[in-house]
């Protein structure tokens, strides 16, 4: 199993099994809006929303994982 580590919105760190991610919604910085990444997870876990540098870092990791699975 492969996991991705993210900052938990309430503090601390969280490992997410990438096989449980059903969709990822990325919006880059636009004016006053922060970069945002929403991870839709399957029914076993709550969805996660990340902002700023953490959103960018995790988005890059997801892209790298996607390229290696091709």
C-alpha atoms as a PDB file:
ATOM      1  CA  UNK A   1       0.000   0.000   0.000  1.00  0.00           C
ATOM      2  CA  UNK A   2       1.147   3.522  -0.760  1.00  0.00           C
ATOM      3  CA  UNK A   3       0.390   6.427   1.531  1.00  0.00           C
ATOM      4  CA  UNK A   4       0.697  10.174   1.230  1.00  0.00           C
ATOM      5  CA  UNK A   5       1.369  12.308   4.316  1.00  0.00           C
ATOM      6  CA  UNK A   6      -0.609  15.518   4.788  1.00  0.00           C
ATOM      7  CA  UNK A   7      -1.077  18.112   7.502  1.00  0.00           C
ATOM      8  CA  UNK A   8      -4.261  17.347   9.425  1.00  0.00           C
ATOM      9  CA  UNK A   9      -6.570  20.401   9.478  1.00  0.00           C
ATOM     10  CA  UNK A  10      -6.849  20.166  13.279  1.00  0.00           C
ATOM     11  CA  UNK A  11      -3.095  19.739  13.791  1.00  0.00           C
ATOM     12  CA  UNK A  12      -0.625  16.924  13.470  1.00  0.00           C
ATOM     13  CA  UNK A  13      -0.013  14.701  10.447  1.00  0.00           C
ATOM     14  CA  UNK A  14      -2.245  12.235   8.627  1.00  0.00           C
ATOM     15  CA  UNK A  15      -1.364   9.335   6.334  1.00  0.00           C
ATOM     16  CA  UNK A  16      -3.861   8.705   3.543  1.00  0.00           C
ATOM     17  CA  UNK A  17      -3.866   5.494   1.543  1.00  0.00           C
ATOM     18  CA  UNK A  18      -3.746   6.764  -2.039  1.00  0.00           C
ATOM     19  CA  UNK A  19      -6.060   3.944  -3.128  1.00  0.00           C
ATOM     20  CA  UNK A  20      -8.810   5.636  -1.066  1.00  0.00           C
ATOM     21  CA  UNK A  21      -8.588   8.954  -2.966  1.00  0.00           C
ATOM     22  CA  UNK A  22     -11.514   9.088  -5.383  1.00  0.00           C
ATOM     23  CA  UNK A  23     -10.840  12.621  -6.697  1.00  0.00           C
ATOM     24  CA  UNK A  24      -8.517  15.570  -6.167  1.00  0.00           C
ATOM     25  CA  UNK A  25      -9.562  19.161  -6.876  1.00  0.00           C
ATOM     26  CA  UNK A  26      -6.674  21.620  -7.242  1.00  0.00           C
ATOM     27  CA  UNK A  27      -6.987  25.406  -7.581  1.00  0.00           C
ATOM     28  CA  UNK A  28      -3.794  27.424  -7.900  1.00  0.00           C
ATOM     29  CA  UNK A  29      -3.316  30.814  -6.236  1.00  0.00           C
ATOM     30  CA  UNK A  30      -5.496  33.460  -7.850  1.00  0.00           C
ATOM     31  CA  UNK A  31      -5.230  36.991  -6.458  1.00  0.00           C
ATOM     32  CA  UNK A  32      -6.185  36.903  -2.783  1.00  0.00           C
ATOM     33  CA  UNK A  33      -7.269  33.260  -2.954  1.00  0.00           C
ATOM     34  CA  UNK A  34      -4.860  30.699  -1.499  1.00  0.00           C
ATOM     35  CA  UNK A  35      -3.902  27.575  -3.357  1.00  0.00           C
ATOM     36  CA  UNK A  36      -6.458  24.912  -2.437  1.00  0.00           C
ATOM     37  CA  UNK A  37      -6.503  21.135  -2.757  1.00  0.00           C
ATOM     38  CA  UNK A  38      -9.558  19.100  -1.898  1.00  0.00           C
ATOM     39  CA  UNK A  39      -9.192  15.337  -1.589  1.00  0.00           C
ATOM     40  CA  UNK A  40     -12.404  13.368  -1.954  1.00  0.00           C
ATOM     41  CA  UNK A  41     -11.953  10.108  -0.112  1.00  0.00           C
ATOM     42  CA  UNK A  42     -14.011   6.960  -0.238  1.00  0.00           C
ATOM     43  CA  UNK A  43     -16.679   6.240   2.353  1.00  0.00           C
ATOM     44  CA  UNK A  44     -14.141   4.992   4.903  1.00  0.00           C
ATOM     45  CA  UNK A  45     -12.639   8.452   5.539  1.00  0.00           C
ATOM     46  CA  UNK A  46     -13.640  12.110   5.744  1.00  0.00           C
ATOM     47  CA  UNK A  47     -12.683  14.425   2.882  1.00  0.00           C
ATOM     48  CA  UNK A  48      -9.633  16.654   3.389  1.00  0.00           C
ATOM     49  CA  UNK A  49      -9.040  20.261   2.265  1.00  0.00           C
ATOM     50  CA  UNK A  50      -5.492  21.670   2.240  1.00  0.00           C
ATOM     51  CA  UNK A  51      -4.356  25.242   1.606  1.00  0.00           C
ATOM     52  CA  UNK A  52      -1.216  27.135   0.621  1.00  0.00           C
ATOM     53  CA  UNK A  53       2.170  25.463   0.483  1.00  0.00           C
ATOM     54  CA  UNK A  54       0.805  22.185   1.890  1.00  0.00           C
ATOM     55  CA  UNK A  55      -1.742  22.011  -0.948  1.00  0.00           C
ATOM     56  CA  UNK A  56       0.981  22.616  -3.529  1.00  0.00           C
ATOM     57  CA  UNK A  57       3.306  20.011  -1.981  1.00  0.00           C
ATOM     58  CA  UNK A  58       0.650  17.298  -1.854  1.00  0.00           C
ATOM     59  CA  UNK A  59      -0.556  18.111  -5.391  1.00  0.00           C
ATOM     60  CA  UNK A  60       3.006  17.637  -6.667  1.00  0.00           C
ATOM     61  CA  UNK A  61       3.255  14.294  -4.868  1.00  0.00           C
ATOM     62  CA  UNK A  62      -0.027  13.128  -6.397  1.00  0.00           C
ATOM     63  CA  UNK A  63       1.154  14.104  -9.867  1.00  0.00           C
ATOM     64  CA  UNK A  64       4.412  12.182  -9.362  1.00  0.00           C
ATOM     65  CA  UNK A  65       2.506   9.098  -8.173  1.00  0.00           C
ATOM     66  CA  UNK A  66       0.223   9.344 -11.181  1.00  0.00           C
ATOM     67  CA  UNK A  67       3.199   9.484 -13.577  1.00  0.00           C
ATOM     68  CA  UNK A  68       4.860   6.444 -12.015  1.00  0.00           C
ATOM     69  CA  UNK A  69       1.666   4.372 -12.304  1.00  0.00           C
ATOM     70  CA  UNK A  70       1.415   4.897 -16.101  1.00  0.00           C
END
